[in-house]
Amino acid sequence: MNIDAALDRILLDLLSDRIIARMGGRKQAKPRSALVLFAETDFGLGAALGQLQQLRDAGWAFETVIAPEVRPLLTDRLAGFGAVEAEGKVADFLDRHTTILVPALSVSLAAKVALGIADDLLSKILQRGLERGTRIIAARDGVCPNGRDRRARGLLPNAVFQATMSGHLQTLMGYGIELSWAARLAVAVEGETPASATPIAAPKLVTARTEGVFGLREARSLEATELHLGHAVIVTPAAAEELRARDIALVRE
């Protein structure tokens, strides 16, 4: 028997016992982890990367799956970020993570998932994640038909296309996917900051008509934080997206 090795083992055991005793017998928490899917779009990407950095600073660890089309945009931006590109099968990814983040959801990926199409790696991961009940959080900047980024680039599809895009977002929310703006991704993942941190002003309420149609023009001109409408009022998809983009709460009376 190697006496030196035995003594080393005894000392390590004693040291471990003392550390555990000082911690009250608690084990150190493992870092929270998420599988991050980068789809083929750059809408909101800069803001999303900043939010991911905040999560990483808060103790999150990431594995990434990157669409080939967006890889050139991310090679330099992910350098030194600490994220590891995932390897293995879809089942392996989902075994390792209980949270999936999509920092920049694309129109095509949203359509595929909404329609149950899984013909590439990202759509397969999301479909299998939905089947397993995995928590999925996606930034909708690239899909919201009337989002700020799309308007800034002059990408405003016609009413039918807008309704289709809005319909896909509604379907994704119905599936249980949590939709967020890229600039609020960290809040969506970890929840709102404590109420004591920043006082919140009382909402400014607006009560509109109890019948008819509430359209995009009215949504754009609205100056309020909360809109009350009667149940009979029809809200167009574009108007609904505008209200969400401006964080205006819609309350049915």
C-alpha atoms as a PDB file:
ATOM      1  CA  MET A   1       0.000   0.000   0.000  1.00  0.00           C
ATOM      2  CA  ASN A   2       1.315   3.491  -0.864  1.00  0.00           C
ATOM      3  CA  ILE A   3       1.328   5.365   2.459  1.00  0.00           C
ATOM      4  CA  ASP A   4       1.816   8.791   0.842  1.00  0.00           C
ATOM      5  CA  ALA A   5      -1.182   8.267  -1.449  1.00  0.00           C
ATOM      6  CA  ALA A   6      -3.308   7.093   1.475  1.00  0.00           C
ATOM      7  CA  LEU A   7      -2.377  10.168   3.525  1.00  0.00           C
ATOM      8  CA  ASP A   8      -3.170  12.451   0.594  1.00  0.00           C
ATOM      9  CA  ARG A   9      -6.588  10.842   0.241  1.00  0.00           C
ATOM     10  CA  ILE A  10      -7.305  11.243   3.978  1.00  0.00           C
ATOM     11  CA  LEU A  11      -6.307  14.910   3.887  1.00  0.00           C
ATOM     12  CA  LEU A  12      -8.501  15.553   0.839  1.00  0.00           C
ATOM     13  CA  ASP A  13     -11.452  13.879   2.546  1.00  0.00           C
ATOM     14  CA  LEU A  14     -10.968  15.992   5.668  1.00  0.00           C
ATOM     15  CA  LEU A  15     -10.671  19.162   3.617  1.00  0.00           C
ATOM     16  CA  SER A  16     -13.840  18.294   1.686  1.00  0.00           C
ATOM     17  CA  ASP A  17     -15.722  17.637   4.931  1.00  0.00           C
ATOM     18  CA  ARG A  18     -14.704  21.024   6.297  1.00  0.00           C
ATOM     19  CA  ILE A  19     -15.740  22.843   3.121  1.00  0.00           C
ATOM     20  CA  ILE A  20     -19.130  21.123   3.103  1.00  0.00           C
ATOM     21  CA  ALA A  21     -19.583  21.894   6.814  1.00  0.00           C
ATOM     22  CA  ARG A  22     -18.869  25.591   6.204  1.00  0.00           C
ATOM     23  CA  MET A  23     -21.403  25.633   3.391  1.00  0.00           C
ATOM     24  CA  GLY A  24     -24.001  24.091   5.652  1.00  0.00           C
ATOM     25  CA  GLY A  25     -23.907  20.835   3.755  1.00  0.00           C
ATOM     26  CA  ARG A  26     -25.088  22.471   0.549  1.00  0.00           C
ATOM     27  CA  LYS A  27     -23.661  21.594  -2.813  1.00  0.00           C
ATOM     28  CA  GLN A  28     -22.654  24.310  -5.220  1.00  0.00           C
ATOM     29  CA  ALA A  29     -25.322  24.917  -7.825  1.00  0.00           C
ATOM     30  CA  LYS A  30     -24.456  23.891 -11.338  1.00  0.00           C
ATOM     31  CA  PRO A  31     -24.505  26.722 -13.862  1.00  0.00           C
ATOM     32  CA  ARG A  32     -27.787  27.126 -15.702  1.00  0.00           C
ATOM     33  CA  SER A  33     -27.528  26.169 -19.331  1.00  0.00           C
ATOM     34  CA  ALA A  34     -29.410  26.741 -22.563  1.00  0.00           C
ATOM     35  CA  LEU A  35     -29.206  25.569 -26.148  1.00  0.00           C
ATOM     36  CA  VAL A  36     -29.013  28.682 -28.351  1.00  0.00           C
ATOM     37  CA  LEU A  37     -30.286  28.446 -31.933  1.00  0.00           C
ATOM     38  CA  PHE A  38     -29.184  31.113 -34.412  1.00  0.00           C
ATOM     39  CA  ALA A  39     -31.593  31.223 -37.359  1.00  0.00           C
ATOM     40  CA  GLU A  40     -30.922  32.763 -40.770  1.00  0.00           C
ATOM     41  CA  THR A  41     -31.689  36.394 -39.870  1.00  0.00           C
ATOM     42  CA  ASP A  42     -29.925  39.355 -38.283  1.00  0.00           C
ATOM     43  CA  PHE A  43     -33.017  41.216 -37.038  1.00  0.00           C
ATOM     44  CA  GLY A  44     -32.335  42.211 -33.444  1.00  0.00           C
ATOM     45  CA  LEU A  45     -29.112  40.210 -33.424  1.00  0.00           C
ATOM     46  CA  GLY A  46     -26.945  42.898 -31.837  1.00  0.00           C
ATOM     47  CA  ALA A  47     -29.385  43.469 -28.984  1.00  0.00           C
ATOM     48  CA  ALA A  48     -29.826  39.720 -28.524  1.00  0.00           C
ATOM     49  CA  LEU A  49     -26.080  39.122 -28.210  1.00  0.00           C
ATOM     50  CA  GLY A  50     -25.916  41.814 -25.545  1.00  0.00           C
ATOM     51  CA  GLN A  51     -28.700  40.061 -23.647  1.00  0.00           C
ATOM     52  CA  LEU A  52     -26.931  36.712 -23.929  1.00  0.00           C
ATOM     53  CA  GLN A  53     -23.828  38.324 -22.466  1.00  0.00           C
ATOM     54  CA  GLN A  54     -25.915  39.501 -19.508  1.00  0.00           C
ATOM     55  CA  LEU A  55     -27.178  35.972 -18.971  1.00  0.00           C
ATOM     56  CA  ARG A  56     -23.655  34.596 -19.234  1.00  0.00           C
ATOM     57  CA  ASP A  57     -22.484  37.101 -16.618  1.00  0.00           C
ATOM     58  CA  ALA A  58     -25.350  35.868 -14.417  1.00  0.00           C
ATOM     59  CA  GLY A  59     -24.050  32.301 -14.587  1.00  0.00           C
ATOM     60  CA  TRP A  60     -25.646  30.855 -17.702  1.00  0.00           C
ATOM     61  CA  ALA A  61     -23.691  28.512 -19.988  1.00  0.00           C
ATOM     62  CA  PHE A  62     -24.533  28.083 -23.666  1.00  0.00           C
ATOM     63  CA  GLU A  63     -24.224  25.569 -26.447  1.00  0.00           C
ATOM     64  CA  THR A  64     -24.981  26.892 -29.920  1.00  0.00           C
ATOM     65  CA  VAL A  65     -26.452  25.598 -33.153  1.00  0.00           C
ATOM     66  CA  ILE A  66     -25.888  28.022 -36.028  1.00  0.00           C
ATOM     67  CA  ALA A  67     -27.670  28.101 -39.388  1.00  0.00           C
ATOM     68  CA  PRO A  68     -25.127  28.059 -42.258  1.00  0.00           C
ATOM     69  CA  GLU A  69     -26.520  31.298 -43.715  1.00  0.00           C
ATOM     70  CA  VAL A  70     -25.792  33.320 -40.577  1.00  0.00           C
ATOM     71  CA  ARG A  71     -22.468  31.735 -39.625  1.00  0.00           C
ATOM     72  CA  PRO A  72     -20.344  34.446 -41.371  1.00  0.00           C
ATOM     73  CA  LEU A  73     -22.111  37.104 -39.287  1.00  0.00           C
ATOM     74  CA  LEU A  74     -21.390  35.329 -36.020  1.00  0.00           C
ATOM     75  CA  THR A  75     -17.835  34.036 -36.407  1.00  0.00           C
ATOM     76  CA  ASP A  76     -16.229  37.202 -35.070  1.00  0.00           C
ATOM     77  CA  ARG A  77     -19.076  38.252 -32.780  1.00  0.00           C
ATOM     78  CA  LEU A  78     -19.069  34.975 -30.869  1.00  0.00           C
ATOM     79  CA  ALA A  79     -15.288  34.875 -30.529  1.00  0.00           C
ATOM     80  CA  GLY A  80     -14.406  34.940 -26.852  1.00  0.00           C
ATOM     81  CA  PHE A  81     -18.066  34.634 -25.906  1.00  0.00           C
ATOM     82  CA  GLY A  82     -17.507  31.287 -24.239  1.00  0.00           C
ATOM     83  CA  ALA A  83     -20.255  29.460 -26.111  1.00  0.00           C
ATOM     84  CA  VAL A  84     -19.535  25.955 -27.373  1.00  0.00           C
ATOM     85  CA  GLU A  85     -20.998  24.716 -30.642  1.00  0.00           C
ATOM     86  CA  ALA A  86     -23.194  21.715 -29.932  1.00  0.00           C
ATOM     87  CA  GLU A  87     -22.313  18.306 -31.332  1.00  0.00           C
ATOM     88  CA  GLY A  88     -24.310  15.114 -31.473  1.00  0.00           C
ATOM     89  CA  LYS A  89     -27.899  14.215 -32.196  1.00  0.00           C
ATOM     90  CA  VAL A  90     -31.025  16.252 -31.505  1.00  0.00           C
ATOM     91  CA  ALA A  91     -31.926  13.971 -28.603  1.00  0.00           C
ATOM     92  CA  ASP A  92     -28.477  14.581 -27.099  1.00  0.00           C
ATOM     93  CA  PHE A  93     -29.007  18.361 -27.229  1.00  0.00           C
ATOM     94  CA  LEU A  94     -32.349  18.101 -25.461  1.00  0.00           C
ATOM     95  CA  ASP A  95     -30.980  15.714 -22.855  1.00  0.00           C
ATOM     96  CA  ARG A  96     -28.373  18.300 -21.890  1.00  0.00           C
ATOM     97  CA  HIS A  97     -30.652  21.359 -21.759  1.00  0.00           C
ATOM     98  CA  THR A  98     -34.092  22.201 -20.428  1.00  0.00           C
ATOM     99  CA  THR A  99     -34.139  25.644 -22.078  1.00  0.00           C
ATOM    100  CA  ILE A 100     -33.867  26.603 -25.755  1.00  0.00           C
ATOM    101  CA  LEU A 101     -33.199  30.202 -26.778  1.00  0.00           C
ATOM    102  CA  VAL A 102     -33.726  31.601 -30.271  1.00  0.00           C
ATOM    103  CA  PRO A 103     -32.147  35.084 -30.126  1.00  0.00           C
ATOM    104  CA  ALA A 104     -33.238  35.962 -33.686  1.00  0.00           C
ATOM    105  CA  LEU A 105     -36.261  34.064 -34.968  1.00  0.00           C
ATOM    106  CA  SER A 106     -36.581  34.101 -38.758  1.00  0.00           C
ATOM    107  CA  VAL A 107     -39.754  34.161 -40.836  1.00  0.00           C
ATOM    108  CA  SER A 108     -38.966  30.786 -42.408  1.00  0.00           C
ATOM    109  CA  LEU A 109     -38.180  29.075 -39.095  1.00  0.00           C
ATOM    110  CA  ALA A 110     -41.344  30.473 -37.504  1.00  0.00           C
ATOM    111  CA  ALA A 111     -43.414  29.245 -40.460  1.00  0.00           C
ATOM    112  CA  LYS A 112     -41.882  25.767 -40.355  1.00  0.00           C
ATOM    113  CA  VAL A 113     -42.478  25.283 -36.658  1.00  0.00           C
ATOM    114  CA  ALA A 114     -46.004  26.718 -36.837  1.00  0.00           C
ATOM    115  CA  LEU A 115     -46.892  24.340 -39.678  1.00  0.00           C
ATOM    116  CA  GLY A 116     -45.174  21.305 -38.155  1.00  0.00           C
ATOM    117  CA  ILE A 117     -42.392  21.167 -40.752  1.00  0.00           C
ATOM    118  CA  ALA A 118     -39.015  19.844 -39.553  1.00  0.00           C
ATOM    119  CA  ASP A 119     -36.672  19.657 -42.536  1.00  0.00           C
ATOM    120  CA  ASP A 120     -33.499  21.173 -41.105  1.00  0.00           C
ATOM    121  CA  LEU A 121     -31.589  20.966 -37.844  1.00  0.00           C
ATOM    122  CA  LEU A 122     -33.096  24.046 -36.182  1.00  0.00           C
ATOM    123  CA  SER A 123     -36.709  23.159 -36.988  1.00  0.00           C
ATOM    124  CA  LYS A 124     -36.105  19.552 -35.870  1.00  0.00           C
ATOM    125  CA  ILE A 125     -34.717  20.749 -32.536  1.00  0.00           C
ATOM    126  CA  LEU A 126     -37.683  23.040 -31.937  1.00  0.00           C
ATOM    127  CA  GLN A 127     -40.232  20.397 -32.932  1.00  0.00           C
ATOM    128  CA  ARG A 128     -38.668  17.789 -30.675  1.00  0.00           C
ATOM    129  CA  GLY A 129     -38.373  20.382 -27.906  1.00  0.00           C
ATOM    130  CA  LEU A 130     -42.103  21.095 -28.157  1.00  0.00           C
ATOM    131  CA  GLU A 131     -42.837  17.391 -28.002  1.00  0.00           C
ATOM    132  CA  ARG A 132     -40.742  17.078 -24.842  1.00  0.00           C
ATOM    133  CA  GLY A 133     -42.170  20.171 -23.196  1.00  0.00           C
ATOM    134  CA  THR A 134     -38.816  21.979 -23.230  1.00  0.00           C
ATOM    135  CA  ARG A 135     -38.971  25.669 -22.371  1.00  0.00           C
ATOM    136  CA  ILE A 136     -38.458  27.683 -25.578  1.00  0.00           C
ATOM    137  CA  ILE A 137     -37.929  31.453 -25.676  1.00  0.00           C
ATOM    138  CA  ALA A 138     -37.618  33.252 -29.013  1.00  0.00           C
ATOM    139  CA  ALA A 139     -37.029  36.879 -30.024  1.00  0.00           C
ATOM    140  CA  ARG A 140     -39.718  37.825 -32.532  1.00  0.00           C
ATOM    141  CA  ASP A 141     -38.087  40.963 -34.001  1.00  0.00           C
ATOM    142  CA  GLY A 142     -37.536  39.363 -37.421  1.00  0.00           C
ATOM    143  CA  VAL A 143     -41.064  37.966 -37.687  1.00  0.00           C
ATOM    144  CA  CYS A 144     -43.244  40.730 -36.267  1.00  0.00           C
ATOM    145  CA  PRO A 145     -44.688  42.229 -39.489  1.00  0.00           C
ATOM    146  CA  ASN A 146     -44.759  45.744 -38.093  1.00  0.00           C
ATOM    147  CA  GLY A 147     -41.691  45.582 -35.845  1.00  0.00           C
ATOM    148  CA  ARG A 148     -39.359  48.534 -35.500  1.00  0.00           C
ATOM    149  CA  ASP A 149     -36.440  46.843 -37.284  1.00  0.00           C
ATOM    150  CA  ARG A 150     -38.555  45.837 -40.257  1.00  0.00           C
ATOM    151  CA  ARG A 151     -39.987  49.338 -40.559  1.00  0.00           C
ATOM    152  CA  ALA A 152     -36.498  50.843 -40.370  1.00  0.00           C
ATOM    153  CA  ARG A 153     -35.473  48.730 -43.374  1.00  0.00           C
ATOM    154  CA  GLY A 154     -38.653  49.481 -45.278  1.00  0.00           C
ATOM    155  CA  LEU A 155     -39.797  45.845 -45.105  1.00  0.00           C
ATOM    156  CA  LEU A 156     -43.556  46.247 -44.727  1.00  0.00           C
ATOM    157  CA  PRO A 157     -45.409  43.378 -46.443  1.00  0.00           C
ATOM    158  CA  ASN A 158     -48.981  43.696 -47.661  1.00  0.00           C
ATOM    159  CA  ALA A 159     -51.932  43.008 -45.384  1.00  0.00           C
ATOM    160  CA  VAL A 160     -52.245  39.336 -46.341  1.00  0.00           C
ATOM    161  CA  PHE A 161     -48.567  38.638 -45.700  1.00  0.00           C
ATOM    162  CA  GLN A 162     -48.756  40.547 -42.404  1.00  0.00           C
ATOM    163  CA  ALA A 163     -51.725  38.455 -41.336  1.00  0.00           C
ATOM    164  CA  THR A 164     -49.824  35.261 -42.199  1.00  0.00           C
ATOM    165  CA  MET A 165     -46.764  36.320 -40.184  1.00  0.00           C
ATOM    166  CA  SER A 166     -48.936  37.344 -37.242  1.00  0.00           C
ATOM    167  CA  GLY A 167     -50.778  34.053 -37.494  1.00  0.00           C
ATOM    168  CA  HIS A 168     -47.536  32.106 -37.231  1.00  0.00           C
ATOM    169  CA  LEU A 169     -46.570  34.060 -34.115  1.00  0.00           C
ATOM    170  CA  GLN A 170     -49.971  33.382 -32.576  1.00  0.00           C
ATOM    171  CA  THR A 171     -49.566  29.676 -33.334  1.00  0.00           C
ATOM    172  CA  LEU A 172     -46.120  29.587 -31.733  1.00  0.00           C
ATOM    173  CA  MET A 173     -47.509  31.223 -28.594  1.00  0.00           C
ATOM    174  CA  GLY A 174     -50.323  28.673 -28.628  1.00  0.00           C
ATOM    175  CA  TYR A 175     -47.690  25.933 -28.678  1.00  0.00           C
ATOM    176  CA  GLY A 176     -46.224  27.417 -25.503  1.00  0.00           C
ATOM    177  CA  ILE A 177     -43.217  29.183 -27.049  1.00  0.00           C
ATOM    178  CA  GLU A 178     -42.438  32.381 -25.123  1.00  0.00           C
ATOM    179  CA  LEU A 179     -42.006  35.317 -27.498  1.00  0.00           C
ATOM    180  CA  SER A 180     -39.907  38.294 -26.497  1.00  0.00           C
ATOM    181  CA  TRP A 181     -38.153  41.249 -28.063  1.00  0.00           C
ATOM    182  CA  ALA A 182     -34.411  40.780 -28.553  1.00  0.00           C
ATOM    183  CA  ALA A 183     -33.659  43.714 -26.250  1.00  0.00           C
ATOM    184  CA  ARG A 184     -35.622  42.048 -23.419  1.00  0.00           C
ATOM    185  CA  LEU A 185     -34.400  38.489 -23.848  1.00  0.00           C
ATOM    186  CA  ALA A 186     -32.647  38.329 -20.471  1.00  0.00           C
ATOM    187  CA  VAL A 187     -35.796  39.550 -18.721  1.00  0.00           C
ATOM    188  CA  ALA A 188     -37.848  36.904 -20.532  1.00  0.00           C
ATOM    189  CA  VAL A 189     -35.433  34.188 -19.390  1.00  0.00           C
ATOM    190  CA  GLU A 190     -35.007  35.246 -15.767  1.00  0.00           C
ATOM    191  CA  GLY A 191     -38.180  37.228 -15.106  1.00  0.00           C
ATOM    192  CA  GLU A 192     -38.780  40.856 -14.292  1.00  0.00           C
ATOM    193  CA  THR A 193     -36.452  42.731 -11.969  1.00  0.00           C
ATOM    194  CA  PRO A 194     -37.692  43.136  -8.376  1.00  0.00           C
ATOM    195  CA  ALA A 195     -40.398  45.743  -7.970  1.00  0.00           C
ATOM    196  CA  SER A 196     -38.296  47.574  -5.369  1.00  0.00           C
ATOM    197  CA  ALA A 197     -35.541  48.231  -7.897  1.00  0.00           C
ATOM    198  CA  THR A 198     -37.418  50.697 -10.097  1.00  0.00           C
ATOM    199  CA  PRO A 199     -40.762  52.324  -9.297  1.00  0.00           C
ATOM    200  CA  ILE A 200     -43.342  51.745 -12.027  1.00  0.00           C
ATOM    201  CA  ALA A 201     -45.652  54.546 -13.031  1.00  0.00           C
ATOM    202  CA  ALA A 202     -49.372  53.940 -12.994  1.00  0.00           C
ATOM    203  CA  PRO A 203     -50.611  52.861 -16.444  1.00  0.00           C
ATOM    204  CA  LYS A 204     -52.310  55.390 -18.663  1.00  0.00           C
ATOM    205  CA  LEU A 205     -55.610  53.843 -19.693  1.00  0.00           C
ATOM    206  CA  VAL A 206     -57.591  54.411 -22.861  1.00  0.00           C
ATOM    207  CA  THR A 207     -61.089  53.045 -23.332  1.00  0.00           C
ATOM    208  CA  ALA A 208     -62.135  52.932 -26.983  1.00  0.00           C
ATOM    209  CA  ARG A 209     -65.398  51.980 -28.635  1.00  0.00           C
ATOM    210  CA  THR A 210     -67.258  48.782 -27.881  1.00  0.00           C
ATOM    211  CA  GLU A 211     -67.786  47.737 -31.502  1.00  0.00           C
ATOM    212  CA  GLY A 212     -66.216  48.078 -34.944  1.00  0.00           C
ATOM    213  CA  VAL A 213     -62.608  47.511 -36.051  1.00  0.00           C
ATOM    214  CA  PHE A 214     -59.418  48.704 -34.343  1.00  0.00           C
ATOM    215  CA  GLY A 215     -56.752  49.107 -37.020  1.00  0.00           C
ATOM    216  CA  LEU A 216     -53.067  49.783 -37.466  1.00  0.00           C
ATOM    217  CA  ARG A 217     -53.435  53.550 -37.894  1.00  0.00           C
ATOM    218  CA  GLU A 218     -55.190  53.841 -34.539  1.00  0.00           C
ATOM    219  CA  ALA A 219     -52.597  51.624 -32.868  1.00  0.00           C
ATOM    220  CA  ARG A 220     -49.761  53.796 -34.181  1.00  0.00           C
ATOM    221  CA  SER A 221     -51.361  57.012 -32.924  1.00  0.00           C
ATOM    222  CA  LEU A 222     -52.257  55.600 -29.512  1.00  0.00           C
ATOM    223  CA  GLU A 223     -50.602  57.307 -26.543  1.00  0.00           C
ATOM    224  CA  ALA A 224     -51.229  54.938 -23.643  1.00  0.00           C
ATOM    225  CA  THR A 225     -49.821  52.000 -21.747  1.00  0.00           C
ATOM    226  CA  GLU A 226     -53.118  50.115 -21.560  1.00  0.00           C
ATOM    227  CA  LEU A 227     -55.989  49.895 -24.045  1.00  0.00           C
ATOM    228  CA  HIS A 228     -59.459  48.707 -23.074  1.00  0.00           C
ATOM    229  CA  LEU A 229     -61.736  47.429 -25.843  1.00  0.00           C
ATOM    230  CA  GLY A 230     -65.101  45.743 -25.858  1.00  0.00           C
ATOM    231  CA  HIS A 231     -65.261  42.065 -26.765  1.00  0.00           C
ATOM    232  CA  ALA A 232     -67.066  42.879 -30.004  1.00  0.00           C
ATOM    233  CA  VAL A 233     -64.249  45.077 -31.333  1.00  0.00           C
ATOM    234  CA  ILE A 234     -62.152  43.371 -34.031  1.00  0.00           C
ATOM    235  CA  VAL A 235     -58.411  44.053 -33.693  1.00  0.00           C
ATOM    236  CA  THR A 236     -56.516  43.593 -36.956  1.00  0.00           C
ATOM    237  CA  PRO A 237     -53.354  41.430 -36.829  1.00  0.00           C
ATOM    238  CA  ALA A 238     -51.159  44.405 -37.755  1.00  0.00           C
ATOM    239  CA  ALA A 239     -52.716  46.496 -34.976  1.00  0.00           C
ATOM    240  CA  ALA A 240     -52.182  43.692 -32.470  1.00  0.00           C
ATOM    241  CA  GLU A 241     -48.497  43.462 -33.427  1.00  0.00           C
ATOM    242  CA  GLU A 242     -48.126  47.240 -33.128  1.00  0.00           C
ATOM    243  CA  LEU A 243     -49.573  47.154 -29.617  1.00  0.00           C
ATOM    244  CA  ARG A 244     -47.177  44.363 -28.643  1.00  0.00           C
ATOM    245  CA  ALA A 245     -44.231  46.181 -30.226  1.00  0.00           C
ATOM    246  CA  ARG A 246     -45.004  49.248 -28.117  1.00  0.00           C
ATOM    247  CA  ASP A 247     -45.719  47.229 -24.956  1.00  0.00           C
ATOM    248  CA  ILE A 248     -49.314  48.468 -24.797  1.00  0.00           C
ATOM    249  CA  ALA A 249     -51.509  46.058 -22.852  1.00  0.00           C
ATOM    250  CA  LEU A 250     -54.810  45.155 -24.484  1.00  0.00           C
ATOM    251  CA  VAL A 251     -57.638  44.505 -22.029  1.00  0.00           C
ATOM    252  CA  ARG A 252     -60.994  43.201 -23.185  1.00  0.00           C
ATOM    253  CA  GLU A 253     -64.028  44.542 -21.323  1.00  0.00           C
END
